[in-house]
Amino acid sequence: MNISVDEFTRVKEENTKLKQLVRKYQKRIANSVDKKEVEFILNNLIPTMDEEVAGYYEIFSEMSCPKLTYLELIKLITLLFKTNRADLATFYCQQYITEKNLDEVKEITEEMQEEYQKVLTGLSKEVLKKNSTEVHLKIYFEIFSYQPNLKLSFVIFPQLLEQNIYNLTNKIFDLRNDYWLLKLFFIVSYYCPKLIQEYLDYLASHWDIINRWVKEENLPTWEFYVNLANHTQMKKKVTALKEYYQAKSNGLKSPALIEPEPSISNNQIDTKQWEKCSEVRKYGYELKNKTIEQRRVALQTAMKHIPLSKIQSHIHWLLQNSYKKNGVHGDFSKAINAYEMDLEYLQKFFYKDL
């Protein structure tokens, strides 16, 4: 292949530049310390200790605890995360943020703003790693709780949240602790309220995952937040889950303990209108080819998503519809009996005094 003299000269110049870059990076690597070496140094100078050893880390703090800026602290915590020392990251977060020992940030220039975005993005990546824990998340949210500067709080933080809100939410899904979803809700509502409805839409669409590990003691907070945001779908779901916990405390029995009953045949129910209007049916509740055990499993699932009054109202409508059609469009006696039993089941275990 023939090339022109000009092309040859250009390629030769590019090759010379690449050689210079290689030499530069080789020198940098030769003088650098890799992650494993840093871990070795830290683990030998400051061994990980049991949390019960009072004052252990404070010894090092008293020996040397320089004043840090907010930016320097974020860099330090990110590096500690990278070297698997979340214990030290926790200590320094406490030392500087909780105790408010950081140097004041008076003004943020455009150049500084770019640097803040860069280091906060680096911290976010560490928190979102697969092997990160609730400790990482706790420190991350504490960093958000500190307000060193208005520009940082209401320009950089909102941008960071917009970029990471769904990744953070999915990370919390992995950790299976609804407390952090509430914490994220608070932070988003403070720094970036325009995202709240979108965030709640996302939670509502993933409620099948979330409701399994929402703690009963956190329900009042959930109720407060979704009412404050006036999010209709989430209000219904939280109300339904609250009623479900109430049912459990009132003696809701496991369907596995109930004697199975033969299923009802196809020609004994009217499913046409049912399919149009039944939210309950989405969670598996129907008479067609279902035993009493299967129906009650479906009802318990629906209770986590749909308010009790709506479930009862719907089954009562089905019962009334069956009464009207019984003897006119066939024998609906088994369907009537099934609906009556299901209504009695809900009444009995939700209201134990009745």
Protein backbone atom coordinates (compact mmCIF):
# COMPACT_ATOMS: atom_id res chain seq x y z
CA MET A 1 0.00 0.00 0.00
CA ASN A 2 1.41 3.39 -1.01
CA ILE A 3 1.01 6.48 1.15
CA SER A 4 1.92 10.06 0.47
CA VAL A 5 4.84 11.84 2.08
CA ASP A 6 2.43 14.10 4.00
CA GLU A 7 0.52 11.10 5.35
CA PHE A 8 3.76 9.40 6.37
CA THR A 9 4.91 12.57 8.19
CA ARG A 10 1.58 12.85 10.03
CA VAL A 11 1.64 9.21 11.16
CA LYS A 12 5.26 9.57 12.28
CA GLU A 13 4.39 12.65 14.39
CA GLU A 14 1.42 10.85 15.98
CA ASN A 15 3.66 7.88 16.75
CA THR A 16 6.20 10.16 18.45
CA LYS A 17 3.43 11.69 20.61
CA LEU A 18 2.16 8.24 21.59
CA LYS A 19 5.67 7.16 22.62
CA GLN A 20 5.98 10.27 24.79
CA LEU A 21 2.62 9.49 26.44
CA VAL A 22 3.67 5.89 27.09
CA ARG A 23 6.90 7.06 28.79
CA LYS A 24 4.91 9.58 30.84
CA TYR A 25 2.43 6.95 32.09
CA GLN A 26 5.20 4.43 32.75
CA LYS A 27 6.88 6.95 35.06
CA ARG A 28 3.55 7.69 36.73
CA ILE A 29 2.89 3.98 37.31
CA ALA A 30 6.40 3.45 38.66
CA ASN A 31 5.87 6.20 41.25
CA SER A 32 2.25 5.37 42.12
CA VAL A 33 0.74 3.20 44.84
CA ASP A 34 -1.98 0.76 43.78
CA LYS A 35 -5.19 -0.12 45.66
CA LYS A 36 -3.80 -3.28 47.29
CA GLU A 37 -0.75 -1.41 48.57
CA VAL A 38 -2.93 1.32 50.08
CA GLU A 39 -5.13 -1.33 51.72
CA PHE A 40 -1.99 -2.95 53.16
CA ILE A 41 -0.75 0.37 54.60
CA LEU A 42 -4.15 1.28 56.11
CA ASN A 43 -4.78 -2.15 57.58
CA ASN A 44 -1.40 -2.16 59.29
CA LEU A 45 -1.36 1.45 60.49
CA ILE A 46 -5.04 1.57 61.50
CA PRO A 47 -6.40 -1.99 61.89
CA THR A 48 -10.14 -2.51 61.74
CA MET A 49 -11.48 -2.70 65.27
CA ASP A 50 -14.70 -3.80 66.86
CA GLU A 51 -17.17 -0.90 67.26
CA GLU A 52 -17.34 -1.68 70.96
CA VAL A 53 -13.72 -0.59 71.46
CA ALA A 54 -14.49 2.91 72.68
CA GLY A 55 -12.21 5.73 71.63
CA TYR A 56 -10.07 3.60 69.30
CA TYR A 57 -10.29 5.87 66.24
CA GLU A 58 -10.32 8.99 68.41
CA ILE A 59 -6.68 8.26 69.30
CA PHE A 60 -5.68 8.83 65.68
CA SER A 61 -7.92 11.85 65.48
CA GLU A 62 -6.22 13.48 68.46
CA MET A 63 -2.80 12.76 66.98
CA SER A 64 -3.65 14.42 63.68
CA CYS A 65 -7.05 15.76 62.69
CA PRO A 66 -6.47 18.50 60.10
CA LYS A 67 -9.16 20.91 59.06
CA LEU A 68 -10.73 19.71 55.84
CA THR A 69 -12.94 21.34 53.27
CA TYR A 70 -16.13 19.63 52.16
CA LEU A 71 -14.46 18.73 48.85
CA GLU A 72 -11.45 17.17 50.60
CA LEU A 73 -13.71 15.13 52.86
CA ILE A 74 -15.62 13.69 49.89
CA LYS A 75 -12.32 12.74 48.23
CA LEU A 76 -11.13 11.10 51.46
CA ILE A 77 -14.34 9.10 51.93
CA THR A 78 -14.32 7.98 48.27
CA LEU A 79 -10.75 6.69 48.62
CA LEU A 80 -11.63 4.91 51.87
CA PHE A 81 -14.55 3.22 50.10
CA LYS A 82 -12.21 2.17 47.29
CA THR A 83 -9.80 0.62 49.80
CA ASN A 84 -12.59 -1.23 51.64
CA ARG A 85 -12.36 0.90 54.78
CA ALA A 86 -15.99 1.90 55.30
CA ASP A 87 -15.23 1.82 59.04
CA LEU A 88 -12.81 4.75 58.71
CA ALA A 89 -15.17 6.50 56.30
CA THR A 90 -17.87 6.27 59.00
CA PHE A 91 -15.53 7.72 61.61
CA TYR A 92 -14.44 10.66 59.46
CA CYS A 93 -18.03 11.37 58.40
CA GLN A 94 -18.93 11.55 62.10
CA GLN A 95 -15.85 13.61 62.93
CA TYR A 96 -16.34 16.23 60.22
CA ILE A 97 -20.02 16.33 59.20
CA THR A 98 -21.89 15.35 62.36
CA GLU A 99 -19.55 17.37 64.58
CA LYS A 100 -19.45 20.20 62.00
CA ASN A 101 -15.65 20.47 61.87
CA LEU A 102 -15.38 21.34 58.19
CA ASP A 103 -13.92 24.57 56.87
CA GLU A 104 -16.64 26.87 55.60
CA VAL A 105 -17.19 27.07 51.85
CA LYS A 106 -17.68 30.77 51.18
CA GLU A 107 -17.85 30.84 47.39
CA ILE A 108 -17.91 28.26 44.59
CA THR A 109 -16.46 29.32 41.26
CA GLU A 110 -17.38 27.65 37.96
CA GLU A 111 -14.12 25.71 38.10
CA MET A 112 -14.83 24.54 41.65
CA GLN A 113 -18.35 23.55 40.64
CA GLU A 114 -16.94 21.20 38.00
CA GLU A 115 -14.58 19.71 40.60
CA TYR A 116 -17.45 19.15 43.04
CA GLN A 117 -19.50 17.43 40.35
CA LYS A 118 -16.55 15.22 39.49
CA VAL A 119 -15.81 14.08 43.07
CA LEU A 120 -19.49 13.61 43.96
CA THR A 121 -19.96 11.51 40.82
CA GLY A 122 -16.94 9.43 41.88
CA LEU A 123 -18.48 8.93 45.33
CA SER A 124 -21.83 7.96 43.78
CA LYS A 125 -20.13 5.28 41.69
CA GLU A 126 -18.60 3.73 44.81
CA VAL A 127 -21.95 3.74 46.63
CA LEU A 128 -23.69 2.11 43.66
CA LYS A 129 -21.20 -0.72 43.33
CA LYS A 130 -22.58 -4.23 43.68
CA ASN A 131 -20.62 -4.98 46.88
CA SER A 132 -21.51 -1.73 48.68
CA THR A 133 -23.54 -1.95 51.90
CA GLU A 134 -25.97 0.09 53.98
CA VAL A 135 -22.96 1.75 55.62
CA HIS A 136 -22.00 3.26 52.25
CA LEU A 137 -25.56 4.47 51.72
CA LYS A 138 -25.76 5.96 55.23
CA ILE A 139 -22.58 8.00 54.69
CA TYR A 140 -23.76 9.08 51.23
CA PHE A 141 -27.02 10.44 52.62
CA GLU A 142 -25.19 12.15 55.49
CA ILE A 143 -23.07 13.99 52.94
CA PHE A 144 -26.29 15.19 51.32
CA SER A 145 -27.62 16.32 54.69
CA TYR A 146 -24.72 18.76 55.08
CA GLN A 147 -25.20 22.13 53.38
CA PRO A 148 -21.85 23.84 52.95
CA ASN A 149 -23.04 26.30 50.33
CA LEU A 150 -26.36 27.26 48.69
CA LYS A 151 -24.98 26.86 45.19
CA LEU A 152 -23.76 23.38 46.07
CA SER A 153 -27.05 22.47 47.70
CA PHE A 154 -29.43 23.74 45.04
CA VAL A 155 -27.41 23.42 41.82
CA ILE A 156 -25.03 20.48 42.13
CA PHE A 157 -27.08 18.22 44.43
CA PRO A 158 -30.23 18.34 42.22
CA GLN A 159 -28.15 17.52 39.13
CA LEU A 160 -26.59 14.58 40.93
CA LEU A 161 -29.98 13.31 42.10
CA GLU A 162 -31.45 13.52 38.61
CA GLN A 163 -28.56 11.42 37.31
CA ASN A 164 -28.67 8.79 40.05
CA ILE A 165 -32.18 8.59 41.53
CA TYR A 166 -33.18 5.33 39.81
CA ASN A 167 -29.79 3.69 40.33
CA LEU A 168 -30.00 4.61 44.02
CA THR A 169 -33.54 3.26 44.24
CA ASN A 170 -32.51 -0.03 42.65
CA LYS A 171 -29.55 -0.24 45.02
CA ILE A 172 -31.98 0.12 47.93
CA PHE A 173 -34.11 -2.64 46.38
CA ASP A 174 -31.03 -4.87 46.63
CA LEU A 175 -30.54 -3.92 50.29
CA ARG A 176 -34.25 -4.55 51.04
CA ASN A 177 -34.67 -1.79 53.62
CA ASP A 178 -37.53 0.68 53.15
CA TYR A 179 -35.93 3.15 55.58
CA TRP A 180 -33.51 4.19 52.80
CA LEU A 181 -36.37 4.70 50.33
CA LEU A 182 -37.91 7.11 52.84
CA LYS A 183 -34.55 8.80 53.36
CA LEU A 184 -34.16 9.22 49.61
CA PHE A 185 -37.71 10.58 49.41
CA PHE A 186 -36.83 13.24 51.99
CA ILE A 187 -33.62 14.24 50.19
CA VAL A 188 -35.33 14.40 46.78
CA SER A 189 -38.25 16.44 48.17
CA TYR A 190 -35.80 18.93 49.70
CA TYR A 191 -33.30 19.36 46.88
CA CYS A 192 -35.29 18.41 43.79
CA PRO A 193 -39.08 18.48 44.46
CA LYS A 194 -39.89 18.29 40.74
CA LEU A 195 -38.74 14.65 40.81
CA ILE A 196 -41.12 13.55 43.59
CA GLN A 197 -44.10 12.50 41.44
CA GLU A 198 -41.83 10.62 39.05
CA TYR A 199 -40.07 8.94 41.98
CA LEU A 200 -43.39 7.83 43.50
CA ASP A 201 -44.58 6.58 40.10
CA TYR A 202 -41.47 4.41 40.01
CA LEU A 203 -42.08 3.10 43.53
CA ALA A 204 -45.73 2.36 42.70
CA SER A 205 -44.70 0.38 39.62
CA HIS A 206 -42.32 -1.69 41.78
CA TRP A 207 -44.61 -2.07 44.80
CA ASP A 208 -44.75 -5.86 44.33
CA ILE A 209 -41.04 -5.88 45.28
CA ILE A 210 -41.16 -3.20 47.98
CA ASN A 211 -44.20 -4.29 50.02
CA ARG A 212 -42.49 -7.54 51.02
CA TRP A 213 -40.01 -5.69 53.21
CA VAL A 214 -41.76 -2.46 54.22
CA LYS A 215 -41.62 -2.43 58.02
CA GLU A 216 -44.84 -1.89 59.89
CA GLU A 217 -43.23 0.75 62.13
CA ASN A 218 -42.33 2.79 59.02
CA LEU A 219 -45.90 2.89 57.66
CA PRO A 220 -46.85 6.18 59.42
CA THR A 221 -43.89 7.85 57.68
CA TRP A 222 -44.88 6.35 54.34
CA GLU A 223 -48.44 7.56 54.92
CA PHE A 224 -47.24 11.08 55.77
CA TYR A 225 -45.00 11.36 52.70
CA VAL A 226 -47.47 10.01 50.11
CA ASN A 227 -50.26 12.19 51.53
CA LEU A 228 -47.95 15.19 51.44
CA ALA A 229 -47.14 14.44 47.79
CA ASN A 230 -50.84 13.68 47.14
CA HIS A 231 -49.92 10.65 45.03
CA THR A 232 -53.20 8.75 44.57
CA GLN A 233 -51.75 5.40 43.55
CA MET A 234 -49.22 5.26 46.38
CA LYS A 235 -51.83 6.41 48.91
CA LYS A 236 -53.98 3.40 47.99
CA LYS A 237 -51.07 1.00 48.21
CA VAL A 238 -49.85 2.28 51.57
CA THR A 239 -53.42 2.20 52.95
CA ALA A 240 -53.82 -1.37 51.73
CA LEU A 241 -50.54 -2.47 53.32
CA LYS A 242 -51.48 -0.76 56.58
CA GLU A 243 -54.78 -2.68 56.63
CA TYR A 244 -52.91 -5.89 55.84
CA TYR A 245 -50.65 -5.46 58.88
CA GLN A 246 -53.74 -4.67 60.95
CA ALA A 247 -55.26 -7.91 59.71
CA LYS A 248 -52.18 -9.86 60.73
CA SER A 249 -52.28 -8.40 64.23
CA ASN A 250 -55.98 -9.35 64.41
CA GLY A 251 -55.25 -12.98 63.65
CA LEU A 252 -55.07 -13.34 59.86
CA LYS A 253 -54.52 -17.06 59.30
CA SER A 254 -52.26 -18.72 56.79
CA PRO A 255 -54.21 -20.11 53.83
CA ALA A 256 -52.08 -23.27 54.07
CA LEU A 257 -54.07 -24.22 57.19
CA ILE A 258 -57.43 -24.05 55.40
CA GLU A 259 -59.01 -27.23 54.07
CA PRO A 260 -59.14 -27.08 50.23
CA GLU A 261 -62.55 -26.95 48.57
CA PRO A 262 -63.36 -28.20 45.04
CA SER A 263 -63.12 -25.46 42.42
CA ILE A 264 -66.18 -24.00 40.73
CA SER A 265 -66.91 -24.85 37.11
CA ASN A 266 -66.80 -22.37 34.25
CA ASN A 267 -70.55 -22.07 33.66
CA GLN A 268 -71.32 -20.98 37.21
CA ILE A 269 -69.85 -17.49 37.13
CA ASP A 270 -70.21 -14.39 35.03
CA THR A 271 -66.68 -13.22 34.13
CA LYS A 272 -67.54 -10.65 31.48
CA GLN A 273 -67.95 -7.62 33.74
CA TRP A 274 -65.47 -9.04 36.24
CA GLU A 275 -62.60 -8.75 33.76
CA LYS A 276 -63.53 -5.15 33.00
CA CYS A 277 -63.58 -3.75 36.51
CA SER A 278 -61.70 -6.09 38.86
CA GLU A 279 -58.44 -4.88 40.34
CA VAL A 280 -58.63 -7.83 42.74
CA ARG A 281 -58.51 -10.26 39.84
CA LYS A 282 -55.07 -8.95 38.84
CA TYR A 283 -53.71 -10.56 41.99
CA GLY A 284 -55.23 -13.96 41.22
CA TYR A 285 -58.65 -13.73 42.86
CA GLU A 286 -61.36 -15.52 40.84
CA LEU A 287 -63.65 -18.51 41.19
CA LYS A 288 -62.83 -20.16 37.90
CA ASN A 289 -60.61 -23.21 38.58
CA LYS A 290 -59.62 -21.86 42.04
CA THR A 291 -59.88 -23.64 45.37
CA ILE A 292 -60.78 -21.76 48.55
CA GLU A 293 -57.12 -21.99 49.57
CA GLN A 294 -55.96 -20.38 46.31
CA ARG A 295 -58.60 -17.62 46.59
CA ARG A 296 -57.42 -16.68 50.07
CA VAL A 297 -53.80 -16.57 48.97
CA ALA A 298 -54.94 -14.17 46.23
CA LEU A 299 -56.91 -12.07 48.74
CA GLN A 300 -53.89 -11.78 51.03
CA THR A 301 -51.77 -10.63 48.06
CA ALA A 302 -54.43 -8.11 47.02
CA MET A 303 -54.60 -6.75 50.59
CA LYS A 304 -51.06 -5.41 50.17
CA HIS A 305 -52.10 -3.35 47.16
CA ILE A 306 -55.79 -2.50 47.41
CA PRO A 307 -57.67 -0.93 50.35
CA LEU A 308 -59.86 -3.43 52.20
CA SER A 309 -63.03 -1.43 51.60
CA LYS A 310 -62.47 -1.68 47.84
CA ILE A 311 -61.88 -5.46 47.99
CA GLN A 312 -65.01 -5.97 50.06
CA SER A 313 -67.05 -3.68 47.82
CA HIS A 314 -65.97 -5.57 44.72
CA ILE A 315 -66.73 -9.03 46.14
CA HIS A 316 -70.08 -7.72 47.39
CA TRP A 317 -70.84 -6.49 43.85
CA LEU A 318 -69.96 -9.95 42.49
CA LEU A 319 -72.22 -11.53 45.09
CA GLN A 320 -75.17 -9.27 44.20
CA ASN A 321 -74.58 -9.94 40.51
CA SER A 322 -74.64 -13.70 41.15
CA TYR A 323 -77.90 -13.36 43.12
CA LYS A 324 -79.53 -11.58 40.15
CA LYS A 325 -78.40 -14.19 37.63
CA ASN A 326 -79.10 -17.26 39.78
CA GLY A 327 -81.93 -19.28 38.28
CA VAL A 328 -82.21 -16.90 35.32
CA HIS A 329 -78.94 -17.58 33.53
CA GLY A 330 -78.01 -20.84 35.26
CA ASP A 331 -77.10 -22.18 38.69
CA PHE A 332 -74.97 -19.64 40.56
CA SER A 333 -75.44 -21.19 43.99
CA LYS A 334 -71.80 -22.30 44.32
CA ALA A 335 -70.57 -18.85 43.26
CA ILE A 336 -72.90 -17.23 45.83
CA ASN A 337 -71.63 -19.56 48.53
CA ALA A 338 -67.98 -18.84 47.60
CA TYR A 339 -68.43 -15.05 47.67
CA GLU A 340 -70.26 -15.20 50.99
CA MET A 341 -67.44 -17.30 52.48
CA ASP A 342 -64.79 -14.87 51.19
CA LEU A 343 -66.64 -11.85 52.60
CA GLU A 344 -67.00 -13.64 55.92
CA TYR A 345 -63.28 -14.47 55.84
CA LEU A 346 -62.34 -10.81 55.35
CA GLN A 347 -64.80 -9.65 58.00
CA LYS A 348 -63.69 -12.23 60.54
CA PHE A 349 -59.97 -11.66 60.35
CA PHE A 350 -59.96 -7.90 59.88
CA TYR A 351 -62.44 -7.21 62.63
CA LYS A 352 -61.88 -9.84 65.31
CA ASP A 353 -64.42 -8.20 67.62
CA LEU A 354 -67.24 -8.95 65.16
